[in-house]
Protein backbone atom coordinates (compact mmCIF):
# COMPACT_ATOMS: atom_id res chain seq x y z
CA MET A 1 23.74 -21.93 11.76
CA PRO A 2 24.01 -24.01 8.47
CA GLN A 3 20.15 -22.85 8.05
CA THR A 4 20.76 -19.27 8.99
CA LEU A 5 23.08 -18.24 6.67
CA ASN A 6 20.72 -19.93 3.73
CA GLU A 7 18.34 -17.61 4.77
CA TRP A 8 20.36 -14.77 4.38
CA VAL A 9 21.96 -16.01 1.15
CA LYS A 10 18.34 -16.06 -0.13
CA ARG A 11 17.49 -12.79 0.98
CA ALA A 12 20.42 -10.70 -0.22
CA GLU A 13 19.81 -13.22 -3.45
CA VAL A 14 15.79 -11.42 -3.62
CA ASP A 15 16.92 -8.26 -2.92
CA ALA A 16 19.42 -8.54 -5.68
CA GLY A 17 16.48 -9.11 -8.15
CA VAL A 18 18.50 -12.76 -8.65
CA ARG A 19 15.44 -14.48 -6.76
CA GLU A 20 11.77 -14.05 -6.95
CA GLY A 21 10.06 -12.77 -3.77
CA MET A 22 9.37 -9.50 -1.51
CA THR A 23 12.24 -7.42 -0.99
CA ALA A 24 13.54 -6.70 2.48
CA SER A 25 12.51 -3.10 2.02
CA ALA A 26 9.42 -3.74 0.59
CA ALA A 27 8.55 -6.60 3.33
CA GLN A 28 9.53 -3.45 5.61
CA ARG A 29 6.99 -1.35 3.45
CA VAL A 30 4.12 -3.80 4.25
CA LYS A 31 4.98 -3.81 8.02
CA ASP A 32 5.11 -0.20 8.42
CA LEU A 33 1.84 0.28 6.41
CA GLU A 34 0.58 -2.85 8.56
CA ARG A 35 0.96 -1.09 11.64
CA GLU A 36 0.13 2.77 10.22
CA VAL A 37 -3.39 1.32 9.10
CA ARG A 38 -3.81 -0.66 12.75
CA GLU A 39 -3.21 2.91 14.32
CA LEU A 40 -5.76 4.66 12.54
CA ARG A 41 -7.92 2.21 13.10
CA LYS A 42 -7.64 2.80 16.83
CA ALA A 43 -8.04 6.93 16.13
CA ASN A 44 -10.78 5.88 14.25
CA GLU A 45 -12.65 4.12 17.10
CA ILE A 46 -11.54 6.75 19.37
CA LEU A 47 -13.52 9.34 17.39
CA LYS A 48 -16.32 7.77 16.57
CA LEU A 49 -16.94 6.82 20.95
CA ALA A 50 -15.53 10.63 21.60
CA SER A 51 -18.49 11.93 18.79
CA ALA A 52 -21.92 9.29 20.01
CA PHE A 53 -20.61 10.91 23.86
CA PHE A 54 -20.82 14.42 22.82
CA ALA A 55 -23.86 13.30 20.72
CA ARG A 56 -25.93 12.02 23.90
CA ALA A 57 -24.43 15.32 25.30
CA GLU A 58 -26.05 17.73 23.58
CA ARG A 59 -29.61 15.88 23.35
């Protein structure tokens, strides 16, 4: 329990700009962007496969 409280204090200090580190909002933004990149890569792979399929079908 004391460790958890210590981590909360550190996070609050980072968010307040008192301590060096990535703020909670910046960390969340990075997490969201990483998820978006994964989704876009999957979509690109699906589109590549579909494009190849239709290119073969036209021959």
